[in-house]
Amino acid sequence: MARTETRPVITLRSTAGTGHTYVTRKSRRNDPDRLVLRKYDPTVGQHVLFREER
């Protein structure tokens, strides 16, 4: 399977300041801006916003 730059690997970092990260892929065509997802942060023990880090 060919790795293309249309779906790059991105790092999502917690906005709660805990330093917890998730790694995922995204489509640059559908989401050209920085991605923001609400995911679980185990350090805080609740769901918080995670922003794309470049």
PDB file of N, CA and C in Angstrom:
ATOM      1  N   MET A   1       0.846  -1.175   0.000  1.00  0.00           N
ATOM      2  CA  MET A   1       0.000   0.000   0.000  1.00  0.00           C
ATOM      3  C   MET A   1       0.891   1.238   0.000  1.00  0.00           C
ATOM      4  N   ALA A   2       0.653   2.135  -0.926  1.00  0.00           N
ATOM      5  CA  ALA A   2       1.478   3.334  -1.066  1.00  0.00           C
ATOM      6  C   ALA A   2       1.076   4.397  -0.054  1.00  0.00           C
ATOM      7  N   ARG A   3       2.080   5.010   0.555  1.00  0.00           N
ATOM      8  CA  ARG A   3       1.835   6.122   1.481  1.00  0.00           C
ATOM      9  C   ARG A   3       1.842   7.411   0.671  1.00  0.00           C
ATOM     10  N   THR A   4       0.729   8.121   0.694  1.00  0.00           N
ATOM     11  CA  THR A   4       0.658   9.373  -0.055  1.00  0.00           C
ATOM     12  C   THR A   4       0.547  10.539   0.909  1.00  0.00           C
ATOM     13  N   GLU A   5       0.815  11.716   0.416  1.00  0.00           N
ATOM     14  CA  GLU A   5       0.747  12.913   1.240  1.00  0.00           C
ATOM     15  C   GLU A   5      -0.670  13.462   1.357  1.00  0.00           C
ATOM     16  N   THR A   6      -1.647  12.804   0.756  1.00  0.00           N
ATOM     17  CA  THR A   6      -3.021  13.282   0.903  1.00  0.00           C
ATOM     18  C   THR A   6      -3.588  12.922   2.265  1.00  0.00           C
ATOM     19  N   ARG A   7      -3.019  11.906   2.930  1.00  0.00           N
ATOM     20  CA  ARG A   7      -3.459  11.506   4.265  1.00  0.00           C
ATOM     21  C   ARG A   7      -2.239  11.424   5.190  1.00  0.00           C
ATOM     22  N   PRO A   8      -1.726  12.572   5.635  1.00  0.00           N
ATOM     23  CA  PRO A   8      -0.523  12.558   6.476  1.00  0.00           C
ATOM     24  C   PRO A   8      -0.832  12.120   7.902  1.00  0.00           C
ATOM     25  N   VAL A   9       0.197  11.643   8.586  1.00  0.00           N
ATOM     26  CA  VAL A   9       0.093  11.290   9.997  1.00  0.00           C
ATOM     27  C   VAL A   9       0.188  12.586  10.787  1.00  0.00           C
ATOM     28  N   ILE A  10      -0.754  12.798  11.724  1.00  0.00           N
ATOM     29  CA  ILE A  10      -0.751  14.003  12.540  1.00  0.00           C
ATOM     30  C   ILE A  10      -0.761  13.627  14.011  1.00  0.00           C
ATOM     31  N   THR A  11      -0.322  14.551  14.853  1.00  0.00           N
ATOM     32  CA  THR A  11      -0.322  14.361  16.298  1.00  0.00           C
ATOM     33  C   THR A  11      -1.360  15.294  16.900  1.00  0.00           C
ATOM     34  N   LEU A  12      -2.214  14.751  17.765  1.00  0.00           N
ATOM     35  CA  LEU A  12      -3.203  15.550  18.482  1.00  0.00           C
ATOM     36  C   LEU A  12      -2.733  15.687  19.921  1.00  0.00           C
ATOM     37  N   ARG A  13      -2.590  16.936  20.407  1.00  0.00           N
ATOM     38  CA  ARG A  13      -2.130  17.179  21.773  1.00  0.00           C
ATOM     39  C   ARG A  13      -3.269  17.766  22.601  1.00  0.00           C
ATOM     40  N   SER A  14      -3.373  17.338  23.853  1.00  0.00           N
ATOM     41  CA  SER A  14      -4.422  17.765  24.753  1.00  0.00           C
ATOM     42  C   SER A  14      -4.313  19.255  25.067  1.00  0.00           C
ATOM     43  N   THR A  15      -5.468  19.938  25.106  1.00  0.00           N
ATOM     44  CA  THR A  15      -5.494  21.351  25.473  1.00  0.00           C
ATOM     45  C   THR A  15      -5.556  21.531  26.980  1.00  0.00           C
ATOM     46  N   ALA A  16      -5.648  20.431  27.733  1.00  0.00           N
ATOM     47  CA  ALA A  16      -5.701  20.518  29.194  1.00  0.00           C
ATOM     48  C   ALA A  16      -4.312  20.722  29.792  1.00  0.00           C
ATOM     49  N   GLY A  17      -3.275  20.658  28.975  1.00  0.00           N
ATOM     50  CA  GLY A  17      -1.920  20.895  29.458  1.00  0.00           C
ATOM     51  C   GLY A  17      -1.266  19.691  30.106  1.00  0.00           C
ATOM     52  N   THR A  18      -1.795  18.502  29.874  1.00  0.00           N
ATOM     53  CA  THR A  18      -1.235  17.301  30.478  1.00  0.00           C
ATOM     54  C   THR A  18      -0.130  16.687  29.632  1.00  0.00           C
ATOM     55  N   GLY A  19      -0.062  17.062  28.363  1.00  0.00           N
ATOM     56  CA  GLY A  19       0.950  16.508  27.477  1.00  0.00           C
ATOM     57  C   GLY A  19       0.543  15.197  26.830  1.00  0.00           C
ATOM     58  N   HIS A  20      -0.686  14.739  27.052  1.00  0.00           N
ATOM     59  CA  HIS A  20      -1.155  13.496  26.450  1.00  0.00           C
ATOM     60  C   HIS A  20      -1.399  13.715  24.963  1.00  0.00           C
ATOM     61  N   THR A  21      -1.010  12.740  24.130  1.00  0.00           N
ATOM     62  CA  THR A  21      -1.158  12.867  22.683  1.00  0.00           C
ATOM     63  C   THR A  21      -1.827  11.634  22.089  1.00  0.00           C
ATOM     64  N   TYR A  22      -2.443  11.831  20.943  1.00  0.00           N
ATOM     65  CA  TYR A  22      -2.958  10.767  20.092  1.00  0.00           C
ATOM     66  C   TYR A  22      -2.325  10.944  18.728  1.00  0.00           C
ATOM     67  N   VAL A  23      -2.151   9.850  17.993  1.00  0.00           N
ATOM     68  CA  VAL A  23      -1.617   9.899  16.630  1.00  0.00           C
ATOM     69  C   VAL A  23      -2.684   9.337  15.705  1.00  0.00           C
ATOM     70  N   THR A  24      -2.968  10.059  14.611  1.00  0.00           N
ATOM     71  CA  THR A  24      -3.989   9.631  13.665  1.00  0.00           C
ATOM     72  C   THR A  24      -3.624  10.137  12.276  1.00  0.00           C
ATOM     73  N   ARG A  25      -4.469   9.869  11.304  1.00  0.00           N
ATOM     74  CA  ARG A  25      -4.300  10.364   9.944  1.00  0.00           C
ATOM     75  C   ARG A  25      -5.484  11.252   9.608  1.00  0.00           C
ATOM     76  N   LYS A  26      -5.277  12.176   8.662  1.00  0.00           N
ATOM     77  CA  LYS A  26      -6.375  13.022   8.226  1.00  0.00           C
ATOM     78  C   LYS A  26      -6.281  13.262   6.733  1.00  0.00           C
ATOM     79  N   SER A  27      -7.393  13.644   6.159  1.00  0.00           N
ATOM     80  CA  SER A  27      -7.446  13.971   4.741  1.00  0.00           C
ATOM     81  C   SER A  27      -7.234  15.472   4.575  1.00  0.00           C
ATOM     82  N   ARG A  28      -6.195  15.853   3.857  1.00  0.00           N
ATOM     83  CA  ARG A  28      -5.942  17.283   3.639  1.00  0.00           C
ATOM     84  C   ARG A  28      -7.000  17.909   2.737  1.00  0.00           C
ATOM     85  N   ARG A  29      -7.605  17.106   1.904  1.00  0.00           N
ATOM     86  CA  ARG A  29      -8.636  17.625   1.006  1.00  0.00           C
ATOM     87  C   ARG A  29      -9.893  18.008   1.787  1.00  0.00           C
ATOM     88  N   ASN A  30     -10.309  17.182   2.751  1.00  0.00           N
ATOM     89  CA  ASN A  30     -11.527  17.462   3.514  1.00  0.00           C
ATOM     90  C   ASN A  30     -11.281  18.390   4.698  1.00  0.00           C
ATOM     91  N   ASP A  31     -10.099  18.348   5.299  1.00  0.00           N
ATOM     92  CA  ASP A  31      -9.767  19.155   6.475  1.00  0.00           C
ATOM     93  C   ASP A  31      -8.456  19.903   6.254  1.00  0.00           C
ATOM     94  N   PRO A  32      -8.465  20.991   5.472  1.00  0.00           N
ATOM     95  CA  PRO A  32      -7.205  21.695   5.217  1.00  0.00           C
ATOM     96  C   PRO A  32      -6.685  22.464   6.434  1.00  0.00           C
ATOM     97  N   ASP A  33      -7.582  22.833   7.368  1.00  0.00           N
ATOM     98  CA  ASP A  33      -7.173  23.554   8.569  1.00  0.00           C
ATOM     99  C   ASP A  33      -6.751  22.572   9.649  1.00  0.00           C
ATOM    100  N   ARG A  34      -6.288  23.108  10.767  1.00  0.00           N
ATOM    101  CA  ARG A  34      -5.893  22.237  11.873  1.00  0.00           C
ATOM    102  C   ARG A  34      -7.108  21.537  12.455  1.00  0.00           C
ATOM    103  N   LEU A  35      -6.939  20.269  12.745  1.00  0.00           N
ATOM    104  CA  LEU A  35      -8.018  19.428  13.239  1.00  0.00           C
ATOM    105  C   LEU A  35      -8.177  19.597  14.739  1.00  0.00           C
ATOM    106  N   VAL A  36      -9.430  19.679  15.224  1.00  0.00           N
ATOM    107  CA  VAL A  36      -9.727  19.752  16.654  1.00  0.00           C
ATOM    108  C   VAL A  36     -10.767  18.679  16.942  1.00  0.00           C
ATOM    109  N   LEU A  37     -10.412  17.736  17.836  1.00  0.00           N
ATOM    110  CA  LEU A  37     -11.314  16.646  18.202  1.00  0.00           C
ATOM    111  C   LEU A  37     -11.479  16.593  19.706  1.00  0.00           C
ATOM    112  N   ARG A  38     -12.636  16.128  20.152  1.00  0.00           N
ATOM    113  CA  ARG A  38     -12.889  15.941  21.572  1.00  0.00           C
ATOM    114  C   ARG A  38     -12.637  14.475  21.897  1.00  0.00           C
ATOM    115  N   LYS A  39     -11.588  14.214  22.680  1.00  0.00           N
ATOM    116  CA  LYS A  39     -11.190  12.848  22.998  1.00  0.00           C
ATOM    117  C   LYS A  39     -10.922  12.725  24.493  1.00  0.00           C
ATOM    118  N   TYR A  40     -10.742  11.498  24.958  1.00  0.00           N
ATOM    119  CA  TYR A  40     -10.540  11.219  26.373  1.00  0.00           C
ATOM    120  C   TYR A  40      -9.085  11.440  26.770  1.00  0.00           C
ATOM    121  N   ASP A  41      -8.876  12.191  27.847  1.00  0.00           N
ATOM    122  CA  ASP A  41      -7.548  12.399  28.414  1.00  0.00           C
ATOM    123  C   ASP A  41      -7.493  11.634  29.732  1.00  0.00           C
ATOM    124  N   PRO A  42      -6.738  10.533  29.795  1.00  0.00           N
ATOM    125  CA  PRO A  42      -6.732   9.708  31.009  1.00  0.00           C
ATOM    126  C   PRO A  42      -6.091  10.394  32.213  1.00  0.00           C
ATOM    127  N   THR A  43      -5.224  11.370  31.994  1.00  0.00           N
ATOM    128  CA  THR A  43      -4.610  12.079  33.113  1.00  0.00           C
ATOM    129  C   THR A  43      -5.641  12.934  33.845  1.00  0.00           C
ATOM    130  N   VAL A  44      -6.499  13.614  33.091  1.00  0.00           N
ATOM    131  CA  VAL A  44      -7.550  14.453  33.668  1.00  0.00           C
ATOM    132  C   VAL A  44      -8.753  13.598  34.078  1.00  0.00           C
ATOM    133  N   GLY A  45      -9.002  12.520  33.335  1.00  0.00           N
ATOM    134  CA  GLY A  45     -10.122  11.637  33.620  1.00  0.00           C
ATOM    135  C   GLY A  45     -11.412  12.080  32.970  1.00  0.00           C
ATOM    136  N   GLN A  46     -11.326  12.888  31.927  1.00  0.00           N
ATOM    137  CA  GLN A  46     -12.529  13.321  31.222  1.00  0.00           C
ATOM    138  C   GLN A  46     -12.186  13.661  29.770  1.00  0.00           C
ATOM    139  N   HIS A  47     -13.217  13.926  28.978  1.00  0.00           N
ATOM    140  CA  HIS A  47     -13.023  14.286  27.583  1.00  0.00           C
ATOM    141  C   HIS A  47     -12.665  15.767  27.486  1.00  0.00           C
ATOM    142  N   VAL A  48     -11.635  16.065  26.702  1.00  0.00           N
ATOM    143  CA  VAL A  48     -11.193  17.444  26.477  1.00  0.00           C
ATOM    144  C   VAL A  48     -10.888  17.618  24.984  1.00  0.00           C
ATOM    145  N   LEU A  49     -10.665  18.861  24.569  1.00  0.00           N
ATOM    146  CA  LEU A  49     -10.315  19.123  23.181  1.00  0.00           C
ATOM    147  C   LEU A  49      -8.854  18.774  22.924  1.00  0.00           C
ATOM    148  N   PHE A  50      -8.609  18.158  21.789  1.00  0.00           N
ATOM    149  CA  PHE A  50      -7.274  17.844  21.329  1.00  0.00           C
ATOM    150  C   PHE A  50      -7.073  18.572  20.009  1.00  0.00           C
ATOM    151  N   ARG A  51      -5.978  19.323  19.889  1.00  0.00           N
ATOM    152  CA  ARG A  51      -5.687  20.094  18.681  1.00  0.00           C
ATOM    153  C   ARG A  51      -4.529  19.490  17.921  1.00  0.00           C
ATOM    154  N   GLU A  52      -4.595  19.653  16.602  1.00  0.00           N
ATOM    155  CA  GLU A  52      -3.518  19.159  15.747  1.00  0.00           C
ATOM    156  C   GLU A  52      -2.245  19.952  16.001  1.00  0.00           C
ATOM    157  N   GLU A  53      -1.144  19.224  16.116  1.00  0.00           N
ATOM    158  CA  GLU A  53       0.149  19.836  16.352  1.00  0.00           C
ATOM    159  C   GLU A  53       0.975  19.702  15.085  1.00  0.00           C
ATOM    160  N   ARG A  54       1.705  20.745  14.708  1.00  0.00           N
ATOM    161  CA  ARG A  54       2.518  20.680  13.492  1.00  0.00           C
ATOM    162  C   ARG A  54       3.968  20.796  13.816  1.00  0.00           C
TER     163      ARG A  54
END
